Amino acid sequence: MLMLSAMRLADWFIETKKTQQWLAEQVGVTQGRIAQIVRGDVPPLRLAAKIERATEQRVTVRDFLPSEESAA
C-alpha cells in the first residue's frame, strides 16, 4: 500500500483552516480535483509544484511520491 501526501495535505487543511476551494483557486483547478488529491490521487508534477508553493512548502512535491518503504 502506498503512503502518499494526501494525508499531509489533509492535515495541512486542518492546521491552516484553509478550504479545498481556496487551494483550488490558488493552483488553478477545481475543488473536486483537490478533493481527489486529498483522497490519494497523485497530481502531475506541475500541479504538485503549485500546491507546494500555495502551501508555503508545508506540502512538497516530494510528499506526493511513494515512500521508499512502500517501494521496496
C-alpha atoms as a PDB file:
ATOM      1  CA  MET A   1       0.000   0.000   0.000  1.00  0.00           C
ATOM      2  CA  LEU A   2       1.365   3.405  -0.966  1.00  0.00           C
ATOM      3  CA  MET A   3       1.536   6.135   1.617  1.00  0.00           C
ATOM      4  CA  LEU A   4       1.045   9.393  -0.216  1.00  0.00           C
ATOM      5  CA  SER A   5       0.969  13.002   0.789  1.00  0.00           C
ATOM      6  CA  ALA A   6      -2.798  13.062   0.657  1.00  0.00           C
ATOM      7  CA  MET A   7      -2.725  12.661   4.424  1.00  0.00           C
ATOM      8  CA  ARG A   8      -0.277  15.520   4.742  1.00  0.00           C
ATOM      9  CA  LEU A   9      -2.448  17.675   2.508  1.00  0.00           C
ATOM     10  CA  ALA A  10      -5.484  16.785   4.597  1.00  0.00           C
ATOM     11  CA  ASP A  11      -3.520  17.668   7.726  1.00  0.00           C
ATOM     12  CA  TRP A  12      -2.497  20.966   6.139  1.00  0.00           C
ATOM     13  CA  PHE A  13      -6.161  21.862   5.641  1.00  0.00           C
ATOM     14  CA  ILE A  14      -6.872  21.125   9.305  1.00  0.00           C
ATOM     15  CA  GLU A  15      -3.858  23.046  10.582  1.00  0.00           C
ATOM     16  CA  THR A  16      -4.364  26.122   8.420  1.00  0.00           C
ATOM     17  CA  LYS A  17      -8.171  26.198   8.375  1.00  0.00           C
ATOM     18  CA  LYS A  18      -7.925  26.775   4.604  1.00  0.00           C
ATOM     19  CA  THR A  19     -10.533  25.196   2.357  1.00  0.00           C
ATOM     20  CA  GLN A  20     -10.180  22.962  -0.659  1.00  0.00           C
ATOM     21  CA  GLN A  21     -11.855  25.731  -2.647  1.00  0.00           C
ATOM     22  CA  TRP A  22      -9.194  28.228  -1.530  1.00  0.00           C
ATOM     23  CA  LEU A  23      -6.375  25.919  -2.610  1.00  0.00           C
ATOM     24  CA  ALA A  24      -8.120  25.124  -5.888  1.00  0.00           C
ATOM     25  CA  GLU A  25      -8.309  28.829  -6.703  1.00  0.00           C
ATOM     26  CA  GLN A  26      -4.633  29.300  -5.849  1.00  0.00           C
ATOM     27  CA  VAL A  27      -3.453  26.492  -8.124  1.00  0.00           C
ATOM     28  CA  GLY A  28      -5.980  26.840 -10.945  1.00  0.00           C
ATOM     29  CA  VAL A  29      -8.004  23.636 -10.629  1.00  0.00           C
ATOM     30  CA  THR A  30     -11.457  22.740  -9.374  1.00  0.00           C
ATOM     31  CA  GLN A  31     -12.299  21.960  -5.775  1.00  0.00           C
ATOM     32  CA  GLY A  32     -13.223  18.484  -6.972  1.00  0.00           C
ATOM     33  CA  ARG A  33      -9.679  17.939  -8.264  1.00  0.00           C
ATOM     34  CA  ILE A  34      -8.263  18.947  -4.888  1.00  0.00           C
ATOM     35  CA  ALA A  35     -10.679  16.508  -3.213  1.00  0.00           C
ATOM     36  CA  GLN A  36      -9.331  13.722  -5.453  1.00  0.00           C
ATOM     37  CA  ILE A  37      -5.784  14.544  -4.376  1.00  0.00           C
ATOM     38  CA  VAL A  38      -6.776  14.580  -0.714  1.00  0.00           C
ATOM     39  CA  ARG A  39      -8.258  11.091  -1.221  1.00  0.00           C
ATOM     40  CA  GLY A  40      -4.936   9.852  -2.597  1.00  0.00           C
ATOM     41  CA  ASP A  41      -4.788  10.686  -6.290  1.00  0.00           C
ATOM     42  CA  VAL A  42      -1.241  11.700  -7.241  1.00  0.00           C
ATOM     43  CA  PRO A  43      -1.189  15.050  -9.051  1.00  0.00           C
ATOM     44  CA  PRO A  44       1.012  15.713 -12.069  1.00  0.00           C
ATOM     45  CA  LEU A  45       4.373  17.287 -11.244  1.00  0.00           C
ATOM     46  CA  ARG A  46       3.330  20.765 -12.360  1.00  0.00           C
ATOM     47  CA  LEU A  47       0.247  20.727 -10.116  1.00  0.00           C
ATOM     48  CA  ALA A  48       2.230  19.278  -7.204  1.00  0.00           C
ATOM     49  CA  ALA A  49       4.686  22.169  -7.589  1.00  0.00           C
ATOM     50  CA  LYS A  50       1.822  24.676  -7.490  1.00  0.00           C
ATOM     51  CA  ILE A  51       0.468  23.017  -4.356  1.00  0.00           C
ATOM     52  CA  GLU A  52       3.928  23.234  -2.798  1.00  0.00           C
ATOM     53  CA  ARG A  53       4.062  26.985  -3.472  1.00  0.00           C
ATOM     54  CA  ALA A  54       0.488  27.584  -2.287  1.00  0.00           C
ATOM     55  CA  THR A  55       1.114  25.708   0.969  1.00  0.00           C
ATOM     56  CA  GLU A  56       4.361  27.625   1.533  1.00  0.00           C
ATOM     57  CA  GLN A  57       6.355  24.391   1.194  1.00  0.00           C
ATOM     58  CA  ARG A  58       4.474  22.664   4.007  1.00  0.00           C
ATOM     59  CA  VAL A  59       3.295  20.069   1.470  1.00  0.00           C
ATOM     60  CA  THR A  60       6.084  19.449  -1.019  1.00  0.00           C
ATOM     61  CA  VAL A  61       6.333  17.772  -4.396  1.00  0.00           C
ATOM     62  CA  ARG A  62       8.347  15.017  -2.732  1.00  0.00           C
ATOM     63  CA  ASP A  63       5.452  14.345  -0.334  1.00  0.00           C
ATOM     64  CA  PHE A  64       3.383  13.109  -3.263  1.00  0.00           C
ATOM     65  CA  LEU A  65       5.913  10.438  -4.224  1.00  0.00           C
ATOM     66  CA  PRO A  66       5.616   6.883  -2.901  1.00  0.00           C
ATOM     67  CA  SER A  67       7.625   6.364   0.239  1.00  0.00           C
ATOM     68  CA  GLU A  68      10.816   4.367  -0.112  1.00  0.00           C
ATOM     69  CA  GLU A  69       9.463   1.802   2.351  1.00  0.00           C
ATOM     70  CA  SER A  70       6.467   1.020   0.165  1.00  0.00           C
ATOM     71  CA  ALA A  71       8.583   0.919  -2.996  1.00  0.00           C
ATOM     72  CA  ALA A  72      10.755  -1.901  -1.623  1.00  0.00           C
END
